[in-house]
Each structure stands twice: as C-alpha cells, then as structure tokens.
PDB file of N, CA and C in Angstrom:
ATOM      1  N   MET A   1      46.355 -48.180  15.714  1.00  0.00           N
ATOM      2  CA  MET A   1      46.202 -49.402  14.943  1.00  0.00           C
ATOM      3  C   MET A   1      47.263 -49.422  13.839  1.00  0.00           C
ATOM      4  N   ASP A   2      48.090 -50.450  13.840  1.00  0.00           N
ATOM      5  CA  ASP A   2      49.143 -50.571  12.838  1.00  0.00           C
ATOM      6  C   ASP A   2      48.615 -51.257  11.591  1.00  0.00           C
ATOM      7  N   LYS A   3      48.998 -50.700  10.474  1.00  0.00           N
ATOM      8  CA  LYS A   3      48.656 -51.328   9.199  1.00  0.00           C
ATOM      9  C   LYS A   3      49.930 -51.923   8.629  1.00  0.00           C
ATOM     10  N   THR A   4      49.912 -53.193   8.360  1.00  0.00           N
ATOM     11  CA  THR A   4      51.049 -53.863   7.764  1.00  0.00           C
ATOM     12  C   THR A   4      50.774 -54.064   6.287  1.00  0.00           C
ATOM     13  N   VAL A   5      51.663 -53.568   5.489  1.00  0.00           N
ATOM     14  CA  VAL A   5      51.518 -53.710   4.047  1.00  0.00           C
ATOM     15  C   VAL A   5      52.429 -54.844   3.598  1.00  0.00           C
ATOM     16  N   LEU A   6      51.823 -55.834   3.013  1.00  0.00           N
ATOM     17  CA  LEU A   6      52.591 -56.960   2.491  1.00  0.00           C
ATOM     18  C   LEU A   6      52.991 -56.642   1.061  1.00  0.00           C
ATOM     19  N   ARG A   7      54.256 -56.757   0.801  1.00  0.00           N
ATOM     20  CA  ARG A   7      54.754 -56.493  -0.550  1.00  0.00           C
ATOM     21  C   ARG A   7      54.898 -57.815  -1.281  1.00  0.00           C
ATOM     22  N   GLU A   8      54.224 -57.907  -2.385  1.00  0.00           N
ATOM     23  CA  GLU A   8      54.292 -59.128  -3.181  1.00  0.00           C
ATOM     24  C   GLU A   8      55.520 -59.056  -4.081  1.00  0.00           C
ATOM     25  N   GLU A   9      56.410 -59.985  -3.910  1.00  0.00           N
ATOM     26  CA  GLU A   9      57.622 -60.024  -4.728  1.00  0.00           C
ATOM     27  C   GLU A   9      57.386 -60.920  -5.934  1.00  0.00           C
ATOM     28  N   ARG A  10      57.667 -60.396  -7.068  1.00  0.00           N
ATOM     29  CA  ARG A  10      57.570 -61.185  -8.293  1.00  0.00           C
ATOM     30  C   ARG A  10      58.919 -61.799  -8.604  1.00  0.00           C
ATOM     31  N   CYS A  11      58.896 -63.006  -9.111  1.00  0.00           N
ATOM     32  CA  CYS A  11      60.159 -63.609  -9.546  1.00  0.00           C
ATOM     33  C   CYS A  11      60.414 -63.261 -11.019  1.00  0.00           C
ATOM     34  N   ILE A  12      59.378 -62.815 -11.730  1.00  0.00           N
ATOM     35  CA  ILE A  12      59.505 -62.381 -13.123  1.00  0.00           C
ATOM     36  C   ILE A  12      59.325 -60.861 -13.143  1.00  0.00           C
ATOM     37  N   ARG A  13      60.339 -60.176 -13.654  1.00  0.00           N
ATOM     38  CA  ARG A  13      60.294 -58.710 -13.705  1.00  0.00           C
ATOM     39  C   ARG A  13      60.459 -58.226 -15.143  1.00  0.00           C
ATOM     40  N   TYR A  14      59.935 -57.051 -15.419  1.00  0.00           N
ATOM     41  CA  TYR A  14      59.909 -56.517 -16.785  1.00  0.00           C
ATOM     42  C   TYR A  14      61.288 -56.318 -17.396  1.00  0.00           C
ATOM     43  N   GLU A  15      62.322 -56.136 -16.561  1.00  0.00           N
ATOM     44  CA  GLU A  15      63.662 -55.893 -17.108  1.00  0.00           C
ATOM     45  C   GLU A  15      64.417 -57.184 -17.438  1.00  0.00           C
ATOM     46  N   MET A  16      63.872 -58.331 -17.051  1.00  0.00           N
ATOM     47  CA  MET A  16      64.510 -59.623 -17.355  1.00  0.00           C
ATOM     48  C   MET A  16      64.374 -59.913 -18.851  1.00  0.00           C
ATOM     49  N   THR A  17      65.376 -60.589 -19.400  1.00  0.00           N
ATOM     50  CA  THR A  17      65.298 -60.985 -20.804  1.00  0.00           C
ATOM     51  C   THR A  17      64.520 -62.298 -20.922  1.00  0.00           C
ATOM     52  N   VAL A  18      64.106 -62.595 -22.126  1.00  0.00           N
ATOM     53  CA  VAL A  18      63.422 -63.862 -22.388  1.00  0.00           C
ATOM     54  C   VAL A  18      64.327 -65.016 -21.951  1.00  0.00           C
ATOM     55  N   LEU A  19      65.607 -64.935 -22.279  1.00  0.00           N
ATOM     56  CA  LEU A  19      66.558 -65.975 -21.894  1.00  0.00           C
ATOM     57  C   LEU A  19      66.637 -66.127 -20.381  1.00  0.00           C
ATOM     58  N   ASP A  20      66.681 -65.019 -19.642  1.00  0.00           N
ATOM     59  CA  ASP A  20      66.698 -65.070 -18.175  1.00  0.00           C
ATOM     60  C   ASP A  20      65.509 -65.870 -17.651  1.00  0.00           C
ATOM     61  N   VAL A  21      64.350 -65.551 -18.172  1.00  0.00           N
ATOM     62  CA  VAL A  21      63.108 -66.161 -17.691  1.00  0.00           C
ATOM     63  C   VAL A  21      63.073 -67.650 -18.004  1.00  0.00           C
ATOM     64  N   VAL A  22      63.329 -68.010 -19.254  1.00  0.00           N
ATOM     65  CA  VAL A  22      63.251 -69.418 -19.661  1.00  0.00           C
ATOM     66  C   VAL A  22      64.317 -70.263 -18.974  1.00  0.00           C
ATOM     67  N   SER A  23      65.511 -69.710 -18.811  1.00  0.00           N
ATOM     68  CA  SER A  23      66.580 -70.500 -18.185  1.00  0.00           C
ATOM     69  C   SER A  23      66.333 -70.711 -16.695  1.00  0.00           C
ATOM     70  N   ARG A  24      65.649 -69.788 -16.036  1.00  0.00           N
ATOM     71  CA  ARG A  24      65.362 -69.924 -14.602  1.00  0.00           C
ATOM     72  C   ARG A  24      64.061 -70.672 -14.336  1.00  0.00           C
ATOM     73  N   HIS A  25      63.130 -70.561 -15.265  1.00  0.00           N
ATOM     74  CA  HIS A  25      61.787 -71.139 -15.067  1.00  0.00           C
ATOM     75  C   HIS A  25      61.350 -71.817 -16.366  1.00  0.00           C
ATOM     76  N   ARG A  26      61.721 -73.068 -16.539  1.00  0.00           N
ATOM     77  CA  ARG A  26      61.494 -73.789 -17.797  1.00  0.00           C
ATOM     78  C   ARG A  26      60.029 -73.834 -18.221  1.00  0.00           C
ATOM     79  N   LYS A  27      59.115 -73.859 -17.262  1.00  0.00           N
ATOM     80  CA  LYS A  27      57.694 -73.956 -17.605  1.00  0.00           C
ATOM     81  C   LYS A  27      57.171 -72.708 -18.308  1.00  0.00           C
ATOM     82  N   THR A  28      57.920 -71.611 -18.242  1.00  0.00           N
ATOM     83  CA  THR A  28      57.481 -70.383 -18.907  1.00  0.00           C
ATOM     84  C   THR A  28      57.592 -70.470 -20.423  1.00  0.00           C
ATOM     85  N   GLU A  29      58.355 -71.424 -20.903  1.00  0.00           N
ATOM     86  CA  GLU A  29      58.494 -71.588 -22.354  1.00  0.00           C
ATOM     87  C   GLU A  29      57.126 -71.790 -23.011  1.00  0.00           C
ATOM     88  N   ALA A  30      56.237 -72.494 -22.318  1.00  0.00           N
ATOM     89  CA  ALA A  30      54.882 -72.718 -22.842  1.00  0.00           C
ATOM     90  C   ALA A  30      54.115 -71.405 -22.967  1.00  0.00           C
ATOM     91  N   VAL A  31      54.349 -70.474 -22.057  1.00  0.00           N
ATOM     92  CA  VAL A  31      53.678 -69.169 -22.117  1.00  0.00           C
ATOM     93  C   VAL A  31      54.164 -68.395 -23.337  1.00  0.00           C
ATOM     94  N   PHE A  32      55.477 -68.403 -23.557  1.00  0.00           N
ATOM     95  CA  PHE A  32      56.009 -67.719 -24.743  1.00  0.00           C
ATOM     96  C   PHE A  32      55.412 -68.322 -26.008  1.00  0.00           C
ATOM     97  N   LYS A  33      55.272 -69.636 -26.053  1.00  0.00           N
ATOM     98  CA  LYS A  33      54.686 -70.296 -27.228  1.00  0.00           C
ATOM     99  C   LYS A  33      53.232 -69.857 -27.427  1.00  0.00           C
ATOM    100  N   GLN A  34      52.507 -69.652 -26.324  1.00  0.00           N
ATOM    101  CA  GLN A  34      51.117 -69.188 -26.424  1.00  0.00           C
ATOM    102  C   GLN A  34      51.048 -67.786 -27.025  1.00  0.00           C
ATOM    103  N   TYR A  35      52.026 -66.963 -26.719  1.00  0.00           N
ATOM    104  CA  TYR A  35      52.047 -65.591 -27.227  1.00  0.00           C
ATOM    105  C   TYR A  35      52.625 -65.497 -28.643  1.00  0.00           C
ATOM    106  N   ASP A  36      53.214 -66.566 -29.159  1.00  0.00           N
ATOM    107  CA  ASP A  36      53.798 -66.545 -30.505  1.00  0.00           C
ATOM    108  C   ASP A  36      52.773 -66.175 -31.574  1.00  0.00           C
ATOM    109  N   GLU A  37      51.556 -66.689 -31.453  1.00  0.00           N
ATOM    110  CA  GLU A  37      50.532 -66.405 -32.467  1.00  0.00           C
ATOM    111  C   GLU A  37      50.211 -64.912 -32.500  1.00  0.00           C
ATOM    112  N   GLN A  38      50.049 -64.306 -31.330  1.00  0.00           N
ATOM    113  CA  GLN A  38      49.765 -62.874 -31.268  1.00  0.00           C
ATOM    114  C   GLN A  38      50.953 -62.069 -31.800  1.00  0.00           C
ATOM    115  N   ALA A  39      52.161 -62.543 -31.506  1.00  0.00           N
ATOM    116  CA  ALA A  39      53.370 -61.844 -31.956  1.00  0.00           C
ATOM    117  C   ALA A  39      53.602 -62.021 -33.452  1.00  0.00           C
ATOM    118  N   GLY A  40      53.124 -63.117 -34.004  1.00  0.00           N
ATOM    119  CA  GLY A  40      53.324 -63.372 -35.426  1.00  0.00           C
ATOM    120  C   GLY A  40      54.649 -64.038 -35.737  1.00  0.00           C
ATOM    121  N   GLU A  41      55.378 -64.412 -34.704  1.00  0.00           N
ATOM    122  CA  GLU A  41      56.655 -65.121 -34.867  1.00  0.00           C
ATOM    123  C   GLU A  41      57.050 -65.732 -33.529  1.00  0.00           C
ATOM    124  N   CYS A  42      58.057 -66.557 -33.560  1.00  0.00           N
ATOM    125  CA  CYS A  42      58.548 -67.209 -32.351  1.00  0.00           C
ATOM    126  C   CYS A  42      59.297 -66.190 -31.486  1.00  0.00           C
ATOM    127  N   ILE A  43      58.739 -65.875 -30.325  1.00  0.00           N
ATOM    128  CA  ILE A  43      59.359 -64.902 -29.427  1.00  0.00           C
ATOM    129  C   ILE A  43      60.714 -65.403 -28.936  1.00  0.00           C
ATOM    130  N   CYS A  44      60.793 -66.670 -28.570  1.00  0.00           N
ATOM    131  CA  CYS A  44      62.062 -67.222 -28.073  1.00  0.00           C
ATOM    132  C   CYS A  44      63.140 -67.207 -29.165  1.00  0.00           C
ATOM    133  N   CYS A  45      62.724 -67.331 -30.418  1.00  0.00           N
ATOM    134  CA  CYS A  45      63.679 -67.319 -31.534  1.00  0.00           C
ATOM    135  C   CYS A  45      64.129 -65.905 -31.893  1.00  0.00           C
ATOM    136  N   GLN A  46      63.201 -64.956 -31.864  1.00  0.00           N
ATOM    137  CA  GLN A  46      63.465 -63.617 -32.379  1.00  0.00           C
ATOM    138  C   GLN A  46      63.793 -62.562 -31.326  1.00  0.00           C
ATOM    139  N   ALA A  47      63.489 -62.857 -30.052  1.00  0.00           N
ATOM    140  CA  ALA A  47      63.685 -61.834 -29.014  1.00  0.00           C
ATOM    141  C   ALA A  47      64.336 -62.410 -27.753  1.00  0.00           C
ATOM    142  N   LEU A  48      65.163 -63.415 -27.922  1.00  0.00           N
ATOM    143  CA  LEU A  48      65.746 -64.128 -26.786  1.00  0.00           C
ATOM    144  C   LEU A  48      66.518 -63.225 -25.834  1.00  0.00           C
ATOM    145  N   PHE A  49      67.179 -62.215 -26.362  1.00  0.00           N
ATOM    146  CA  PHE A  49      68.029 -61.345 -25.540  1.00  0.00           C
ATOM    147  C   PHE A  49      67.365 -60.013 -25.202  1.00  0.00           C
ATOM    148  N   GLU A  50      66.074 -59.891 -25.510  1.00  0.00           N
ATOM    149  CA  GLU A  50      65.336 -58.650 -25.252  1.00  0.00           C
ATOM    150  C   GLU A  50      64.679 -58.678 -23.869  1.00  0.00           C
ATOM    151  N   PRO A  51      64.634 -57.532 -23.191  1.00  0.00           N
ATOM    152  CA  PRO A  51      63.888 -57.457 -21.929  1.00  0.00           C
ATOM    153  C   PRO A  51      62.391 -57.638 -22.196  1.00  0.00           C
ATOM    154  N   LEU A  52      61.688 -58.167 -21.229  1.00  0.00           N
ATOM    155  CA  LEU A  52      60.260 -58.423 -21.392  1.00  0.00           C
ATOM    156  C   LEU A  52      59.479 -57.155 -21.732  1.00  0.00           C
ATOM    157  N   SER A  53      59.888 -56.027 -21.179  1.00  0.00           N
ATOM    158  CA  SER A  53      59.186 -54.771 -21.489  1.00  0.00           C
ATOM    159  C   SER A  53      59.294 -54.440 -22.970  1.00  0.00           C
ATOM    160  N   LYS A  54      60.455 -54.676 -23.567  1.00  0.00           N
ATOM    161  CA  LYS A  54      60.632 -54.418 -24.995  1.00  0.00           C
ATOM    162  C   LYS A  54      59.895 -55.447 -25.842  1.00  0.00           C
ATOM    163  N   VAL A  55      59.855 -56.685 -25.370  1.00  0.00           N
ATOM    164  CA  VAL A  55      59.111 -57.727 -26.077  1.00  0.00           C
ATOM    165  C   VAL A  55      57.632 -57.346 -26.137  1.00  0.00           C
ATOM    166  N   ALA A  56      57.085 -56.922 -25.008  1.00  0.00           N
ATOM    167  CA  ALA A  56      55.677 -56.531 -24.962  1.00  0.00           C
ATOM    168  C   ALA A  56      55.413 -55.356 -25.897  1.00  0.00           C
ATOM    169  N   ALA A  57      56.289 -54.369 -25.878  1.00  0.00           N
ATOM    170  CA  ALA A  57      56.111 -53.201 -26.746  1.00  0.00           C
ATOM    171  C   ALA A  57      56.241 -53.585 -28.219  1.00  0.00           C
ATOM    172  N   ARG A  58      57.226 -54.392 -28.529  1.00  0.00           N
ATOM    173  CA  ARG A  58      57.499 -54.801 -29.921  1.00  0.00           C
ATOM    174  C   ARG A  58      56.320 -55.547 -30.540  1.00  0.00           C
ATOM    175  N   TYR A  59      55.678 -56.405 -29.728  1.00  0.00           N
ATOM    176  CA  TYR A  59      54.616 -57.254 -30.253  1.00  0.00           C
ATOM    177  C   TYR A  59      53.214 -56.796 -29.849  1.00  0.00           C
ATOM    178  N   GLY A  60      53.110 -55.654 -29.182  1.00  0.00           N
ATOM    179  CA  GLY A  60      51.798 -55.136 -28.803  1.00  0.00           C
ATOM    180  C   GLY A  60      51.106 -55.959 -27.737  1.00  0.00           C
ATOM    181  N   LEU A  61      51.874 -56.520 -26.808  1.00  0.00           N
ATOM    182  CA  LEU A  61      51.323 -57.341 -25.735  1.00  0.00           C
ATOM    183  C   LEU A  61      51.022 -56.473 -24.519  1.00  0.00           C
ATOM    184  N   ASN A  62      50.030 -56.869 -23.753  1.00  0.00           N
ATOM    185  CA  ASN A  62      49.735 -56.209 -22.489  1.00  0.00           C
ATOM    186  C   ASN A  62      50.799 -56.661 -21.492  1.00  0.00           C
ATOM    187  N   LEU A  63      51.683 -55.755 -21.089  1.00  0.00           N
ATOM    188  CA  LEU A  63      52.828 -56.112 -20.254  1.00  0.00           C
ATOM    189  C   LEU A  63      52.402 -56.737 -18.931  1.00  0.00           C
ATOM    190  N   GLU A  64      51.415 -56.169 -18.265  1.00  0.00           N
ATOM    191  CA  GLU A  64      50.986 -56.705 -16.972  1.00  0.00           C
ATOM    192  C   GLU A  64      50.438 -58.126 -17.099  1.00  0.00           C
ATOM    193  N   LYS A  65      49.620 -58.361 -18.119  1.00  0.00           N
ATOM    194  CA  LYS A  65      49.052 -59.706 -18.350  1.00  0.00           C
ATOM    195  C   LYS A  65      50.162 -60.690 -18.722  1.00  0.00           C
ATOM    196  N   PHE A  66      51.080 -60.236 -19.551  1.00  0.00           N
ATOM    197  CA  PHE A  66      52.224 -61.041 -19.976  1.00  0.00           C
ATOM    198  C   PHE A  66      53.043 -61.475 -18.757  1.00  0.00           C
ATOM    199  N   LEU A  67      53.375 -60.520 -17.894  1.00  0.00           N
ATOM    200  CA  LEU A  67      54.149 -60.831 -16.680  1.00  0.00           C
ATOM    201  C   LEU A  67      53.366 -61.745 -15.748  1.00  0.00           C
ATOM    202  N   GLU A  68      52.072 -61.506 -15.637  1.00  0.00           N
ATOM    203  CA  GLU A  68      51.233 -62.335 -14.770  1.00  0.00           C
ATOM    204  C   GLU A  68      51.194 -63.785 -15.270  1.00  0.00           C
ATOM    205  N   ASP A  69      51.054 -63.962 -16.579  1.00  0.00           N
ATOM    206  CA  ASP A  69      51.035 -65.320 -17.148  1.00  0.00           C
ATOM    207  C   ASP A  69      52.380 -66.024 -16.934  1.00  0.00           C
ATOM    208  N   LEU A  70      53.472 -65.295 -17.120  1.00  0.00           N
ATOM    209  CA  LEU A  70      54.803 -65.874 -16.889  1.00  0.00           C
ATOM    210  C   LEU A  70      54.982 -66.223 -15.415  1.00  0.00           C
ATOM    211  N   GLU A  71      54.550 -65.334 -14.545  1.00  0.00           N
ATOM    212  CA  GLU A  71      54.647 -65.550 -13.096  1.00  0.00           C
ATOM    213  C   GLU A  71      53.874 -66.801 -12.675  1.00  0.00           C
ATOM    214  N   ASP A  72      52.671 -66.936 -13.214  1.00  0.00           N
ATOM    215  CA  ASP A  72      51.846 -68.110 -12.906  1.00  0.00           C
ATOM    216  C   ASP A  72      52.554 -69.389 -13.315  1.00  0.00           C
ATOM    217  N   ALA A  73      53.131 -69.397 -14.501  1.00  0.00           N
ATOM    218  CA  ALA A  73      53.839 -70.591 -14.984  1.00  0.00           C
ATOM    219  C   ALA A  73      55.080 -70.862 -14.146  1.00  0.00           C
ATOM    220  N   ALA A  74      55.784 -69.832 -13.741  1.00  0.00           N
ATOM    221  CA  ALA A  74      57.003 -69.993 -12.948  1.00  0.00           C
ATOM    222  C   ALA A  74      56.685 -70.565 -11.575  1.00  0.00           C
ATOM    223  N   GLY A  75      55.503 -70.243 -11.058  1.00  0.00           N
ATOM    224  CA  GLY A  75      55.126 -70.706  -9.724  1.00  0.00           C
ATOM    225  C   GLY A  75      54.576 -72.107  -9.667  1.00  0.00           C
ATOM    226  N   GLU A  76      54.334 -72.691 -10.836  1.00  0.00           N
ATOM    227  CA  GLU A  76      53.774 -74.058 -10.873  1.00  0.00           C
ATOM    228  C   GLU A  76      54.788 -75.088 -10.478  1.00  0.00           C
TER     229      GLU A  76
END
C-alpha cells in the first residue's frame, strides 16, 4: 500500500521581509495593521526590511500564527 504525502506549499515564508509580503500580496497589509497594537508600533513603518522571523521575535508574536494569518490573507 503506497502512502502519498502531500506537501503543503506556503506562499508566505519566515525568511521573507515585510516588504516582500506586502508587495506580492496587498491584502496582507491588513494583517500587519492588526498586529500593530500587539507590537506597540507600526510594523510596516518600523520593520519593512526585516524578515518575518525577526519581526515575530522582535515583537513577541507567535511566528506560526503570524504566518498562518498572512497566508490566509494572501490566499483571499
């Protein structure tokens, strides 16, 4: 019996910068705005050139949830 493993490809990856994400998927800007309150500042203004993994670490965000929310917005 063969088992086929389907690999889910994400279009949003932790090494992408905020600018990469917003420029490729405009609807993700709303997600960044939602996280601004938790971050205490505008993420797009202060971390535009930072990779998402560093953004999550800098602002104490759950990286997996952050990526999932961005992915959901990108897929809309």
